[in-house]
Amino acid sequence: MTRIAVFADVQNIYYTTRQAFGRQFNYRALWETLSQQGDIVVALAYATERGDDGQTRFQDALRHLGFTVKLKPYIQRSDGSTKGDWDVGIAVDVMTHAPQVDTVVLLSGDGDFDVLLSAIKVSPGVRTEVYGVESLTARSLIESANDYHPIEADLLLP
């Protein structure tokens, strides 16, 4: 059976689906889709910790599905900008887990990950897949993946 590792850039997916569709991503639908393709052996979701009840319920729902939720504190700088970037953490985890799986699935539209996917594709037998909002996903990321899946209505909550 195909071994799958899933890495979800929660902030990116939240903001891009909200901007493009005014709706939220359906992680359960994704989980069901991927489960039909193989065995999900690693599922990591990367988010920021703001301490609000809605966010905590969402993170608990992700855990219930089977995700390990990794949190960073939400930081608001004095100039009003915010920080909660998981790019390096996601990259380290992908590089760590890729040799042990057949497929790496990345949920993100962030073009910074194109180099990462290109690097792990050189490992024999490791396929890369990206799920992202097509109009908000970097072309370089789409081109670096073996397979690109645009997020559409079937992967959105009603």
Protein backbone atom coordinates (compact mmCIF):
# COMPACT_ATOMS: atom_id res chain seq x y z
CA MET A 1 0.00 0.00 0.00
CA THR A 2 1.17 3.53 -0.78
CA ARG A 3 2.53 5.35 2.27
CA ILE A 4 1.45 8.99 2.37
CA ALA A 5 2.72 11.94 4.41
CA VAL A 6 0.53 15.05 4.56
CA PHE A 7 1.80 18.51 5.50
CA ALA A 8 -0.86 21.22 5.90
CA ASP A 9 0.08 24.91 5.91
CA VAL A 10 -3.12 25.78 7.79
CA GLN A 11 -2.77 29.57 7.64
CA ASN A 12 -2.11 29.54 3.89
CA ILE A 13 -5.05 27.25 3.16
CA TYR A 14 -7.37 29.21 5.45
CA TYR A 15 -6.63 32.59 3.90
CA THR A 16 -6.53 31.44 0.28
CA THR A 17 -9.81 29.51 0.41
CA ARG A 18 -11.45 32.40 2.24
CA GLN A 19 -10.16 34.92 -0.31
CA ALA A 20 -11.02 32.87 -3.40
CA PHE A 21 -14.27 31.22 -2.31
CA GLY A 22 -15.42 32.83 0.93
CA ARG A 23 -15.45 29.31 2.41
CA GLN A 24 -13.28 27.08 4.55
CA PHE A 25 -11.26 24.05 3.50
CA ASN A 26 -12.75 20.62 4.26
CA TYR A 27 -9.94 18.61 5.85
CA ARG A 28 -12.25 15.61 6.30
CA ALA A 29 -12.92 15.45 2.55
CA LEU A 30 -9.19 15.61 1.86
CA TRP A 31 -8.51 12.88 4.43
CA GLU A 32 -11.12 10.64 2.79
CA THR A 33 -9.67 11.28 -0.67
CA LEU A 34 -6.11 10.52 0.41
CA SER A 35 -7.17 7.45 2.42
CA GLN A 36 -8.52 5.92 -0.78
CA GLN A 37 -5.08 6.33 -2.36
CA GLY A 38 -3.06 4.74 0.42
CA ASP A 39 -2.13 4.70 4.08
CA ILE A 40 -1.64 8.11 5.71
CA VAL A 41 1.34 7.42 7.95
CA VAL A 42 2.19 11.04 8.80
CA ALA A 43 -0.20 13.99 8.94
CA LEU A 44 1.07 17.28 10.29
CA ALA A 45 -0.89 20.54 10.44
CA TYR A 46 0.98 23.77 11.13
CA ALA A 47 -0.89 26.66 12.76
CA THR A 48 -0.49 29.65 15.03
CA GLU A 49 -1.78 29.71 18.58
CA ARG A 50 -4.04 32.65 19.31
CA GLY A 51 -5.88 31.11 22.22
CA ASP A 52 -9.41 31.64 20.95
CA ASP A 53 -12.09 28.97 21.43
CA GLY A 54 -12.98 28.62 17.74
CA GLN A 55 -9.39 27.98 16.81
CA THR A 56 -9.00 25.45 19.62
CA ARG A 57 -12.11 23.56 18.42
CA PHE A 58 -10.74 23.55 14.86
CA GLN A 59 -7.38 22.20 16.05
CA ASP A 60 -9.17 19.51 18.07
CA ALA A 61 -11.13 18.53 14.94
CA LEU A 62 -7.85 18.18 13.03
CA ARG A 63 -6.48 15.96 15.79
CA HIS A 64 -9.64 13.86 15.69
CA LEU A 65 -9.09 13.27 11.97
CA GLY A 66 -5.55 12.07 12.64
CA PHE A 67 -3.39 15.17 12.26
CA THR A 68 -0.68 16.11 14.69
CA VAL A 69 -1.12 19.85 15.17
CA LYS A 70 2.03 21.90 15.57
CA LEU A 71 1.55 25.36 17.03
CA LYS A 72 3.64 28.52 17.09
CA PRO A 73 2.65 31.54 19.11
CA TYR A 74 0.90 34.28 17.20
CA ILE A 75 3.07 37.38 17.42
CA GLN A 76 1.87 40.89 16.64
CA ARG A 77 4.70 43.38 16.28
CA SER A 78 4.51 46.98 17.42
CA ASP A 79 4.20 48.11 13.78
CA GLY A 80 1.01 46.04 13.42
CA SER A 81 2.56 43.27 11.32
CA THR A 82 2.24 39.67 12.46
CA LYS A 83 4.49 36.63 12.59
CA GLY A 84 3.62 32.97 12.68
CA ASP A 85 5.52 31.51 9.75
CA TRP A 86 6.05 27.74 9.66
CA ASP A 87 8.03 27.50 6.38
CA VAL A 88 11.27 26.24 7.93
CA GLY A 89 9.46 23.81 10.24
CA ILE A 90 7.44 22.40 7.35
CA ALA A 91 10.59 22.04 5.23
CA VAL A 92 12.48 20.23 7.99
CA ASP A 93 9.59 17.84 8.61
CA VAL A 94 9.13 17.11 4.89
CA MET A 95 12.85 16.36 4.50
CA THR A 96 12.73 14.14 7.60
CA HIS A 97 9.69 12.10 6.55
CA ALA A 98 10.06 11.98 2.75
CA PRO A 99 12.55 9.07 2.72
CA GLN A 100 10.05 6.89 4.62
CA VAL A 101 7.01 7.42 2.37
CA ASP A 102 5.95 7.01 -1.23
CA THR A 103 4.00 10.28 -1.54
CA VAL A 104 4.42 13.68 0.06
CA VAL A 105 1.27 15.81 -0.02
CA LEU A 106 1.64 19.54 0.66
CA LEU A 107 -1.35 21.78 1.29
CA SER A 108 -0.10 25.25 0.46
CA GLY A 109 0.16 27.75 -2.33
CA ASP A 110 3.43 29.21 -1.06
CA GLY A 111 6.06 29.37 -3.80
CA ASP A 112 8.82 29.15 -1.20
CA PHE A 113 8.19 25.40 -1.16
CA ASP A 114 9.08 24.85 -4.83
CA VAL A 115 12.75 24.22 -4.03
CA LEU A 116 11.76 21.78 -1.28
CA LEU A 117 9.57 19.71 -3.61
CA SER A 118 12.21 19.72 -6.32
CA ALA A 119 14.76 18.46 -3.80
CA ILE A 120 12.69 15.55 -2.52
CA LYS A 121 11.53 14.47 -5.98
CA VAL A 122 15.07 13.30 -6.69
CA SER A 123 14.60 10.53 -4.11
CA PRO A 124 13.69 7.40 -6.03
CA GLY A 125 10.05 6.51 -5.61
CA VAL A 126 8.95 9.67 -3.77
CA ARG A 127 6.09 11.50 -5.49
CA THR A 128 5.01 15.01 -4.58
CA GLU A 129 1.49 16.39 -4.69
CA VAL A 130 0.26 19.90 -3.98
CA TYR A 131 -3.24 21.05 -3.08
CA GLY A 132 -3.83 24.78 -3.37
CA VAL A 133 -6.20 27.44 -4.61
CA GLU A 134 -5.21 27.69 -8.26
CA SER A 135 -5.44 31.47 -8.60
CA LEU A 136 -3.40 31.93 -5.41
CA THR A 137 -0.84 29.14 -5.80
CA ALA A 138 2.62 30.04 -7.08
CA ARG A 139 3.21 28.76 -10.60
CA SER A 140 6.68 27.57 -9.52
CA LEU A 141 5.11 25.39 -6.81
CA ILE A 142 2.62 23.87 -9.25
CA GLU A 143 5.43 23.08 -11.69
CA SER A 144 7.69 21.58 -9.02
CA ALA A 145 5.10 18.96 -7.95
CA ASN A 146 4.50 15.65 -9.69
CA ASP A 147 0.77 16.31 -9.34
CA TYR A 148 -1.15 19.49 -8.65
CA HIS A 149 -4.74 19.40 -7.34
CA PRO A 150 -6.63 22.70 -7.44
CA ILE A 151 -8.88 23.20 -4.45
CA GLU A 152 -12.44 23.35 -5.70
CA ALA A 153 -15.95 22.99 -4.28
CA ASP A 154 -15.51 19.29 -3.42
CA LEU A 155 -12.81 20.23 -0.91
CA LEU A 156 -14.67 23.13 0.70
CA LEU A 157 -17.14 23.22 3.54
CA PRO A 158 -20.66 24.28 2.53
